[in-house]
Amino acid sequence: MRVLGALIIMLLLALPARAEVLNYEDIFQSPTLTGDWNGARTRLEDRGVQLGGDEILETLGNLDSGKRRGAAVEGRFELFANVDLDKALGWQGAIFHANAYQIHGEGLSAHNLYNLLTVSNIEARPATRLFALWVQQSLFNDSVSLRAGQIAADDEFFVSQYAPLFINSTFGWPAILGINLPGGGPAYPVARPGVRARIAVSPRLVLSAALFSGDASADETGFDFHINGDVFAISELAYSMTMFELPGTMKLGSWIHSGRFTDQRFDAAHVSLADPASGAPAQHRGDYGGYFILDQLLWRKDGTSDAGLGGFFRVGGNPSDRNRIELHMDSGLTYAAPFGRANDTIGIGLSYEQVSATQRDLTLDYRRLTGTMPVTPSFESALETSYQAQVATWWIVQPDIQWIIHPGGGVLNLSSPLSGHGAGAVVLGLRTAVAL
């Protein structure tokens, strides 16, 4: 709250005594809705200080099936500060960043679908919280970058160049991490204390690695920097290439968590959890996994360096005995500048989350022991088509449609074993984003 308050005060102090007089054309050509604050914004940036904010507002509704039909309206207001510490303090190669969120409204997945793949990447419990707070130091002509503070792994790891268009959260921080890791891991809406190093081994090869607190707690304010002893580590090797004279990137990553993870089938005595005589679930020390990403420009628009038709493919896996999801895959196509609109993007993406084999074995145990027939766990998928239209330099409007297949994936709920997965749901949405 104190950082959010400080950012608000900084913005208010930077505003001019009287509002800028902007005509219609000025407003739509300005980089931000609030303009240059009578030159104050430019003067601050000349001194190395960039202040700003944005608001994302959306409405999503499941038109067909799901657990409960209906619509939800939600939003995320952000304030941020970036400081070039070289300009501001003479600290060469260093930058400072802080941002805070005010999350409001209801999420469709939490209130209507009860599915695994959250249909919006801004959906979270309403709160006002600090998110990121870090300092970054570049060394050796920017070939080495070090970052420390409260940071988020989903800013830099397991990220596809072409997937950020999509609204469903699994195209960002995939469900194989968001569902399996304690507290969802160091990702939106809760960053965690950590350090990150990035080394450009060569012009084409970059190695990144980070170490985070493995704390599962999700403090509402974002000011709980507690480290409980567990750690989450992730590393990634990225290789830039040229295929058929078109740019592409391959990434190979791995992660490990030192915490305790609950067995998905057995108790400590190796008795199935489907057995009424079973005890508390067995615990495993540690978890781990790996992933691969391919981003490739498939067709280049004339007169551009990297605009046109791009495609991506991501796959990741981890052990089934201690994780609800054992396999993640997604793929998609995005096309920049469709219909002659230079700043618009259209795309289609498909994700697949496979429920662990251990969950399926647990269901078979339940059938054998009780004679009842719950739905066999399988998978959940999301097929999404989205169009992002840039109405002004500071304003984006994005209609979106998603088909959620097997919501919940049939994961066995022992307290309600015959509930199964919901019928597929068609989600229609409209998002707007404004840079302030």
Protein backbone atom coordinates (compact mmCIF):
# COMPACT_ATOMS: atom_id res chain seq x y z
CA MET A 1 0.00 0.00 0.00
CA ARG A 2 2.80 2.44 0.78
CA VAL A 3 4.41 1.92 -2.65
CA LEU A 4 1.03 2.33 -4.37
CA GLY A 5 0.41 5.51 -2.38
CA ALA A 6 3.85 6.85 -3.26
CA LEU A 7 3.28 6.20 -6.95
CA ILE A 8 -0.08 7.98 -6.83
CA ILE A 9 1.51 10.98 -5.09
CA MET A 10 4.29 11.08 -7.70
CA LEU A 11 1.75 11.06 -10.49
CA LEU A 12 -0.28 13.83 -8.86
CA LEU A 13 2.79 15.96 -8.27
CA ALA A 14 3.80 15.55 -11.87
CA LEU A 15 0.41 16.68 -13.18
CA PRO A 16 0.25 20.34 -14.23
CA ALA A 17 -1.80 22.91 -12.35
CA ARG A 18 -4.16 23.12 -15.30
CA ALA A 19 -5.02 20.28 -17.66
CA GLU A 20 -3.52 20.21 -21.12
CA VAL A 21 -5.84 21.41 -23.83
CA LEU A 22 -5.89 18.66 -26.43
CA ASN A 23 -7.97 18.56 -29.57
CA TYR A 24 -9.38 15.35 -30.97
CA GLU A 25 -6.37 14.62 -33.21
CA ASP A 26 -3.88 15.33 -30.39
CA ILE A 27 -5.60 12.84 -28.10
CA PHE A 28 -5.46 9.99 -30.62
CA GLN A 29 -1.84 10.70 -31.56
CA SER A 30 -0.59 10.97 -27.98
CA PRO A 31 1.35 7.93 -26.63
CA THR A 32 -0.84 7.98 -23.49
CA LEU A 33 -4.35 9.12 -22.65
CA THR A 34 -3.16 11.76 -20.16
CA GLY A 35 -0.57 13.19 -22.54
CA ASP A 36 2.67 14.91 -21.55
CA TRP A 37 1.31 16.74 -18.49
CA ASN A 38 2.29 20.12 -20.00
CA GLY A 39 5.84 18.87 -20.49
CA ALA A 40 6.27 17.46 -16.98
CA ARG A 41 6.42 13.89 -18.24
CA THR A 42 9.20 14.72 -20.70
CA ARG A 43 11.17 16.64 -18.07
CA LEU A 44 10.95 13.67 -15.69
CA GLU A 45 12.07 11.25 -18.38
CA ASP A 46 15.02 13.51 -19.22
CA ARG A 47 16.05 12.99 -15.59
CA GLY A 48 15.61 9.22 -15.88
CA VAL A 49 12.16 8.90 -14.26
CA GLN A 50 9.27 7.33 -16.14
CA LEU A 51 5.88 7.27 -14.41
CA GLY A 52 2.72 5.76 -15.81
CA GLY A 53 -0.22 3.49 -15.46
CA ASP A 54 -2.77 1.49 -17.36
CA GLU A 55 -6.19 -0.02 -16.94
CA ILE A 56 -7.37 -3.33 -18.40
CA LEU A 57 -11.12 -3.87 -18.25
CA GLU A 58 -12.99 -6.83 -19.68
CA THR A 59 -16.25 -8.69 -19.67
CA LEU A 60 -16.40 -12.45 -20.26
CA GLY A 61 -19.43 -14.70 -20.43
CA ASN A 62 -19.95 -18.42 -20.92
CA LEU A 63 -22.68 -18.69 -23.51
CA ASP A 64 -23.00 -22.44 -23.59
CA SER A 65 -22.82 -24.93 -20.72
CA GLY A 66 -20.08 -24.79 -18.06
CA LYS A 67 -20.98 -25.23 -14.40
CA ARG A 68 -23.14 -22.10 -14.44
CA ARG A 69 -23.99 -19.76 -17.26
CA GLY A 70 -23.37 -16.11 -16.73
CA ALA A 71 -20.98 -13.22 -17.26
CA ALA A 72 -18.27 -11.55 -15.23
CA VAL A 73 -16.70 -8.10 -15.34
CA GLU A 74 -13.18 -7.65 -14.03
CA GLY A 75 -10.29 -5.26 -14.33
CA ARG A 76 -6.72 -4.50 -13.33
CA PHE A 77 -5.40 -1.01 -12.70
CA GLU A 78 -1.62 -0.63 -12.67
CA LEU A 79 0.75 2.13 -11.61
CA PHE A 80 4.46 1.82 -12.36
CA ALA A 81 7.75 3.65 -12.02
CA ASN A 82 10.93 3.05 -14.03
CA VAL A 83 14.10 4.90 -13.06
CA ASP A 84 17.27 5.05 -15.13
CA LEU A 85 19.70 5.15 -12.22
CA ASP A 86 22.51 6.34 -14.47
CA LYS A 87 20.60 9.54 -15.34
CA ALA A 88 19.12 9.95 -11.87
CA LEU A 89 22.08 9.03 -9.65
CA GLY A 90 25.06 8.38 -11.90
CA TRP A 91 24.81 4.61 -11.26
CA GLN A 92 25.94 3.33 -14.65
CA GLY A 93 24.04 0.42 -16.19
CA ALA A 94 21.41 0.21 -13.44
CA ILE A 95 17.62 0.60 -13.56
CA PHE A 96 14.90 0.46 -10.91
CA HIS A 97 11.35 -0.78 -11.44
CA ALA A 98 8.27 -0.92 -9.22
CA ASN A 99 4.64 -1.54 -10.02
CA ALA A 100 1.43 -2.14 -8.10
CA TYR A 101 -1.98 -3.52 -9.06
CA GLN A 102 -5.53 -2.84 -8.01
CA ILE A 103 -7.46 -5.94 -9.08
CA HIS A 104 -11.24 -5.61 -9.14
CA GLY A 105 -14.32 -7.53 -10.25
CA GLU A 106 -15.16 -11.23 -10.45
CA GLY A 107 -13.41 -13.91 -12.46
CA LEU A 108 -15.43 -16.15 -14.76
CA SER A 109 -13.36 -19.28 -14.06
CA ALA A 110 -13.67 -18.94 -10.28
CA HIS A 111 -17.40 -18.16 -10.25
CA ASN A 112 -18.87 -19.94 -13.27
CA LEU A 113 -16.60 -22.50 -14.91
CA TYR A 114 -14.51 -24.03 -12.07
CA ASN A 115 -12.00 -25.09 -14.70
CA LEU A 116 -8.23 -25.56 -14.62
CA LEU A 117 -7.19 -23.08 -17.30
CA THR A 118 -8.20 -19.64 -16.04
CA VAL A 119 -9.90 -17.98 -19.00
CA SER A 120 -8.37 -14.56 -18.24
CA ASN A 121 -4.73 -13.76 -17.49
CA ILE A 122 -5.80 -10.87 -15.21
CA GLU A 123 -8.24 -12.95 -13.16
CA ALA A 124 -7.28 -12.99 -9.47
CA ARG A 125 -8.83 -12.37 -6.09
CA PRO A 126 -9.67 -8.65 -5.75
CA ALA A 127 -6.87 -6.83 -3.92
CA THR A 128 -4.57 -3.83 -3.98
CA ARG A 129 -0.99 -5.05 -3.87
CA LEU A 130 2.60 -4.34 -4.68
CA PHE A 131 3.74 -6.64 -7.46
CA ALA A 132 7.34 -6.08 -8.57
CA LEU A 133 10.13 -4.12 -6.86
CA TRP A 134 13.61 -4.70 -8.23
CA VAL A 135 16.96 -3.27 -9.32
CA GLN A 136 18.73 -4.47 -12.45
CA GLN A 137 22.43 -4.09 -13.26
CA SER A 138 23.89 -4.52 -16.75
CA LEU A 139 27.58 -5.35 -17.15
CA PHE A 140 30.15 -5.91 -19.91
CA ASN A 141 28.34 -3.95 -22.64
CA ASP A 142 24.99 -5.47 -21.66
CA SER A 143 26.19 -9.04 -22.18
CA VAL A 144 25.40 -9.76 -18.51
CA SER A 145 22.26 -8.67 -16.68
CA LEU A 146 21.58 -9.16 -12.97
CA ARG A 147 18.21 -8.50 -11.32
CA ALA A 148 17.32 -8.70 -7.62
CA GLY A 149 14.29 -7.86 -5.53
CA GLN A 150 10.66 -8.93 -5.76
CA ILE A 151 10.45 -10.38 -9.26
CA ALA A 152 8.20 -12.60 -11.37
CA ALA A 153 9.27 -15.65 -13.34
CA ASP A 154 6.46 -15.28 -15.89
CA ASP A 155 8.03 -12.03 -17.13
CA GLU A 156 11.02 -13.88 -18.60
CA PHE A 157 10.69 -17.69 -18.40
CA PHE A 158 8.54 -20.17 -20.35
CA VAL A 159 7.46 -17.22 -22.54
CA SER A 160 6.65 -17.42 -26.25
CA GLN A 161 7.17 -14.38 -28.48
CA TYR A 162 3.84 -14.94 -30.23
CA ALA A 163 1.57 -16.11 -27.39
CA PRO A 164 0.97 -12.85 -25.40
CA LEU A 165 -1.92 -11.95 -27.74
CA PHE A 166 -4.13 -14.57 -26.09
CA ILE A 167 -6.25 -13.89 -23.01
CA ASN A 168 -6.41 -17.40 -21.51
CA SER A 169 -3.83 -17.53 -18.72
CA THR A 170 -2.26 -20.82 -19.80
CA PHE A 171 -0.75 -19.15 -22.89
CA GLY A 172 1.33 -17.10 -20.44
CA TRP A 173 2.35 -18.88 -17.22
CA PRO A 174 1.12 -22.38 -18.16
CA ALA A 175 -1.12 -24.39 -15.89
CA ILE A 176 1.56 -27.07 -15.44
CA LEU A 177 3.34 -24.50 -13.25
CA GLY A 178 0.44 -22.31 -12.13
CA ILE A 179 -1.53 -25.30 -10.81
CA ASN A 180 1.28 -27.57 -9.61
CA LEU A 181 3.56 -25.11 -7.79
CA PRO A 182 2.80 -23.90 -4.25
CA GLY A 183 0.77 -20.70 -4.48
CA GLY A 184 1.05 -20.82 -8.27
CA GLY A 185 4.77 -20.03 -8.21
CA PRO A 186 6.44 -16.62 -8.64
CA ALA A 187 3.93 -15.28 -11.16
CA TYR A 188 0.94 -12.97 -11.44
CA PRO A 189 -0.67 -11.93 -9.19
CA VAL A 190 2.12 -12.56 -6.63
CA ALA A 191 5.80 -11.93 -7.40
CA ARG A 192 8.33 -13.22 -4.87
CA PRO A 193 11.80 -12.37 -3.58
CA GLY A 194 14.48 -13.61 -5.93
CA VAL A 195 17.52 -13.03 -8.10
CA ARG A 196 17.93 -13.50 -11.84
CA ALA A 197 21.04 -13.64 -14.04
CA ARG A 198 21.12 -13.45 -17.82
CA ILE A 199 24.28 -14.04 -19.86
CA ALA A 200 24.67 -13.56 -23.61
CA VAL A 201 27.07 -16.41 -24.33
CA SER A 202 27.14 -15.34 -27.98
CA PRO A 203 24.99 -13.13 -30.23
CA ARG A 204 22.69 -16.13 -30.78
CA LEU A 205 22.87 -17.95 -27.43
CA VAL A 206 21.49 -16.59 -24.14
CA LEU A 207 21.45 -18.35 -20.77
CA SER A 208 19.03 -17.22 -18.05
CA ALA A 209 18.66 -18.55 -14.51
CA ALA A 210 16.73 -17.41 -11.46
CA LEU A 211 16.27 -18.40 -7.82
CA PHE A 212 13.07 -17.48 -5.95
CA SER A 213 11.53 -17.97 -2.56
CA GLY A 214 9.36 -21.09 -2.69
CA ASP A 215 6.87 -19.67 -0.20
CA ALA A 216 3.30 -20.69 -0.99
CA SER A 217 1.69 -17.77 0.85
CA ALA A 218 -0.07 -15.08 -1.17
CA ASP A 219 0.09 -11.93 0.93
CA GLU A 220 -2.73 -9.53 0.01
CA THR A 221 -0.53 -6.41 0.15
CA GLY A 222 2.58 -7.76 -1.60
CA PHE A 223 4.82 -6.58 1.25
CA ASP A 224 5.43 -9.99 2.83
CA PHE A 225 9.02 -10.67 1.76
CA HIS A 226 9.17 -13.77 3.98
CA ILE A 227 11.42 -16.63 2.84
CA ASN A 228 10.38 -19.94 4.38
CA GLY A 229 13.45 -21.95 3.41
CA ASP A 230 11.98 -23.61 0.30
CA VAL A 231 13.28 -22.36 -3.04
CA PHE A 232 12.18 -22.44 -6.65
CA ALA A 233 14.88 -22.39 -9.33
CA ILE A 234 14.39 -22.10 -13.08
CA SER A 235 16.84 -21.89 -15.99
CA GLU A 236 16.49 -21.42 -19.72
CA LEU A 237 18.78 -21.60 -22.74
CA ALA A 238 17.58 -19.60 -25.78
CA TYR A 239 19.05 -19.98 -29.26
CA SER A 240 18.21 -17.52 -32.07
CA MET A 241 18.28 -19.05 -35.53
CA THR A 242 17.32 -18.44 -39.13
CA MET A 243 15.12 -20.94 -40.96
CA PHE A 244 14.37 -20.35 -44.65
CA GLU A 245 15.75 -16.82 -44.16
CA LEU A 246 13.16 -16.15 -41.45
CA PRO A 247 14.00 -15.55 -37.75
CA GLY A 248 13.15 -18.05 -35.07
CA THR A 249 14.04 -18.98 -31.50
CA MET A 250 14.35 -22.28 -29.65
CA LYS A 251 14.30 -22.39 -25.85
CA LEU A 252 15.08 -25.26 -23.52
CA GLY A 253 14.22 -24.84 -19.84
CA SER A 254 14.10 -26.71 -16.55
CA TRP A 255 12.90 -26.01 -13.01
CA ILE A 256 13.10 -27.47 -9.54
CA HIS A 257 11.29 -26.77 -6.26
CA SER A 258 12.60 -27.89 -2.88
CA GLY A 259 9.24 -27.97 -1.02
CA ARG A 260 6.96 -30.83 -0.04
CA PHE A 261 4.41 -32.10 -2.55
CA THR A 262 1.36 -34.25 -1.86
CA ASP A 263 1.11 -37.68 -3.48
CA GLN A 264 -1.82 -37.86 -5.87
CA ARG A 265 -2.75 -41.47 -5.08
CA PHE A 266 -1.29 -42.98 -1.90
CA ASP A 267 -1.00 -42.27 1.80
CA ALA A 268 2.24 -42.75 3.78
CA ALA A 269 1.53 -46.50 4.11
CA HIS A 270 1.00 -46.85 0.35
CA VAL A 271 -2.76 -47.29 0.79
CA SER A 272 -4.88 -45.72 -1.94
CA LEU A 273 -6.52 -42.47 -0.94
CA ALA A 274 -9.74 -43.87 -2.41
CA ASP A 275 -9.80 -46.36 0.50
CA PRO A 276 -11.79 -45.05 3.51
CA ALA A 277 -9.09 -46.62 5.73
CA SER A 278 -6.33 -44.48 4.20
CA GLY A 279 -4.52 -41.82 6.18
CA ALA A 280 -3.05 -38.48 5.22
CA PRO A 281 -1.52 -38.36 1.71
CA ALA A 282 2.15 -39.26 1.39
CA GLN A 283 4.57 -36.38 0.94
CA HIS A 284 7.37 -36.06 -1.60
CA ARG A 285 10.40 -33.86 -1.04
CA GLY A 286 10.91 -31.70 -4.10
CA ASP A 287 9.46 -31.37 -7.58
CA TYR A 288 10.98 -30.74 -10.99
CA GLY A 289 10.16 -30.42 -14.68
CA GLY A 290 11.33 -29.25 -18.08
CA TYR A 291 10.04 -27.50 -21.18
CA PHE A 292 10.76 -26.65 -24.81
CA ILE A 293 9.62 -23.66 -26.90
CA LEU A 294 9.81 -23.00 -30.62
CA ASP A 295 8.95 -19.54 -31.99
CA GLN A 296 9.19 -19.10 -35.76
CA LEU A 297 8.26 -16.40 -38.22
CA LEU A 298 6.57 -18.34 -41.04
CA TRP A 299 5.97 -15.54 -43.53
CA ARG A 300 7.40 -12.02 -43.56
CA LYS A 301 5.32 -9.05 -44.61
CA ASP A 302 7.02 -7.03 -47.37
CA GLY A 303 9.06 -4.11 -46.07
CA THR A 304 9.29 -5.42 -42.49
CA SER A 305 11.96 -7.24 -40.50
CA ASP A 306 9.83 -9.51 -38.32
CA ALA A 307 6.15 -8.74 -38.98
CA GLY A 308 3.83 -11.21 -40.66
CA LEU A 309 2.66 -14.71 -39.78
CA GLY A 310 4.31 -16.21 -36.68
CA GLY A 311 3.86 -19.55 -35.01
CA PHE A 312 4.72 -21.02 -31.63
CA PHE A 313 4.83 -24.41 -29.95
CA ARG A 314 5.45 -25.12 -26.25
CA VAL A 315 5.62 -28.41 -24.38
CA GLY A 316 6.44 -29.13 -20.74
CA GLY A 317 6.26 -32.05 -18.35
CA ASN A 318 6.82 -33.14 -14.75
CA PRO A 319 6.32 -36.25 -12.54
CA SER A 320 2.74 -37.54 -12.29
CA ASP A 321 2.96 -38.90 -8.73
CA ARG A 322 3.06 -35.44 -7.08
CA ASN A 323 1.38 -33.20 -9.65
CA ARG A 324 -2.21 -32.78 -10.79
CA ILE A 325 -1.06 -31.89 -14.34
CA GLU A 326 1.71 -33.98 -15.94
CA LEU A 327 1.88 -32.56 -19.47
CA HIS A 328 1.37 -29.13 -21.03
CA MET A 329 1.25 -28.38 -24.75
CA ASP A 330 0.12 -25.32 -26.65
CA SER A 331 0.53 -23.99 -30.13
CA GLY A 332 -0.78 -21.13 -32.19
CA LEU A 333 -0.53 -18.72 -35.08
CA THR A 334 -0.58 -14.94 -34.95
CA TYR A 335 -0.70 -12.53 -37.88
CA ALA A 336 0.50 -8.96 -37.51
CA ALA A 337 -1.04 -6.08 -39.46
CA PRO A 338 -4.15 -7.84 -40.86
CA PHE A 339 -6.56 -6.01 -43.16
CA GLY A 340 -3.97 -3.31 -43.74
CA ARG A 341 -4.05 -2.19 -40.07
CA ALA A 342 -0.38 -1.83 -39.13
CA ASN A 343 -0.74 -2.19 -35.36
CA ASP A 344 -3.43 -4.87 -35.13
CA THR A 345 -2.87 -8.59 -34.47
CA ILE A 346 -5.11 -11.62 -35.00
CA GLY A 347 -4.45 -15.15 -33.87
CA ILE A 348 -5.65 -18.62 -32.98
CA GLY A 349 -4.21 -20.81 -30.21
CA LEU A 350 -4.86 -24.27 -28.78
CA SER A 351 -3.70 -25.53 -25.37
CA TYR A 352 -3.75 -29.00 -23.81
CA GLU A 353 -3.25 -29.91 -20.16
CA GLN A 354 -3.10 -33.63 -19.42
CA VAL A 355 -4.23 -34.74 -15.98
CA SER A 356 -1.63 -36.96 -14.31
CA ALA A 357 -1.69 -40.73 -14.76
CA THR A 358 -1.67 -41.04 -10.97
CA GLN A 359 -5.03 -39.23 -10.85
CA ARG A 360 -6.38 -41.71 -13.38
CA ASP A 361 -5.09 -44.62 -11.27
CA LEU A 362 -6.82 -43.13 -8.21
CA THR A 363 -10.10 -43.12 -10.12
CA LEU A 364 -9.63 -46.81 -11.00
CA ASP A 365 -8.98 -47.51 -7.30
CA TYR A 366 -12.23 -45.76 -6.40
CA ARG A 367 -14.16 -47.82 -8.95
CA ARG A 368 -12.65 -51.07 -7.66
CA LEU A 369 -13.34 -50.24 -4.00
CA THR A 370 -16.83 -48.76 -4.35
CA GLY A 371 -18.29 -50.14 -7.55
CA THR A 372 -19.28 -46.65 -8.70
CA MET A 373 -18.14 -45.14 -11.96
CA PRO A 374 -16.76 -41.59 -11.69
CA VAL A 375 -15.54 -39.90 -14.86
CA THR A 376 -12.00 -40.90 -15.79
CA PRO A 377 -9.61 -37.91 -15.56
CA SER A 378 -8.34 -36.93 -18.97
CA PHE A 379 -7.43 -33.39 -20.02
CA GLU A 380 -8.61 -29.83 -20.35
CA SER A 381 -8.06 -27.76 -23.48
CA ALA A 382 -8.71 -24.21 -24.58
CA LEU A 383 -9.17 -23.17 -28.20
CA GLU A 384 -8.97 -19.39 -28.50
CA THR A 385 -9.35 -16.89 -31.31
CA SER A 386 -8.56 -13.25 -30.61
CA TYR A 387 -8.26 -9.96 -32.47
CA GLN A 388 -6.36 -7.06 -30.91
CA ALA A 389 -7.24 -3.72 -32.52
CA GLN A 390 -5.23 -0.61 -31.70
CA VAL A 391 -7.78 2.19 -31.81
CA ALA A 392 -5.23 4.77 -30.67
CA THR A 393 -1.59 4.57 -29.60
CA TRP A 394 -2.83 4.35 -25.99
CA TRP A 395 -6.03 2.33 -26.52
CA ILE A 396 -6.54 -1.33 -27.45
CA VAL A 397 -9.86 -3.12 -27.98
CA GLN A 398 -9.82 -6.91 -28.14
CA PRO A 399 -12.79 -9.20 -28.90
CA ASP A 400 -12.10 -12.81 -27.92
CA ILE A 401 -13.77 -16.20 -28.10
CA GLN A 402 -12.71 -19.40 -26.31
CA TRP A 403 -13.93 -22.97 -26.36
CA ILE A 404 -13.11 -24.70 -23.07
CA ILE A 405 -13.03 -28.48 -23.60
CA HIS A 406 -13.48 -30.78 -20.58
CA PRO A 407 -13.55 -28.02 -17.91
CA GLY A 408 -11.87 -29.39 -14.79
CA GLY A 409 -10.29 -32.27 -16.73
CA GLY A 410 -12.24 -34.85 -14.71
CA VAL A 411 -9.86 -34.53 -11.74
CA LEU A 412 -11.28 -36.80 -9.04
CA ASN A 413 -12.76 -34.96 -6.05
CA LEU A 414 -13.05 -37.59 -3.28
CA SER A 415 -15.63 -35.47 -1.44
CA SER A 416 -17.81 -35.46 -4.60
CA PRO A 417 -16.45 -38.30 -6.75
CA LEU A 418 -19.32 -38.44 -9.24
CA SER A 419 -19.21 -34.77 -10.15
CA GLY A 420 -16.82 -35.36 -13.09
CA HIS A 421 -15.89 -32.57 -15.43
CA GLY A 422 -18.33 -29.98 -16.68
CA ALA A 423 -19.58 -29.89 -20.22
CA GLY A 424 -17.56 -27.81 -22.65
CA ALA A 425 -18.09 -24.07 -22.43
CA VAL A 426 -18.04 -21.34 -25.07
CA VAL A 427 -16.67 -18.09 -23.63
CA LEU A 428 -17.18 -14.80 -25.41
CA GLY A 429 -15.27 -11.73 -24.21
CA LEU A 430 -14.32 -8.15 -24.91
CA ARG A 431 -11.23 -6.53 -23.40
CA THR A 432 -10.09 -2.93 -23.52
CA ALA A 433 -6.73 -1.61 -22.34
CA VAL A 434 -5.78 2.05 -21.88
CA ALA A 435 -2.29 3.45 -21.24
CA LEU A 436 -2.62 6.43 -18.90
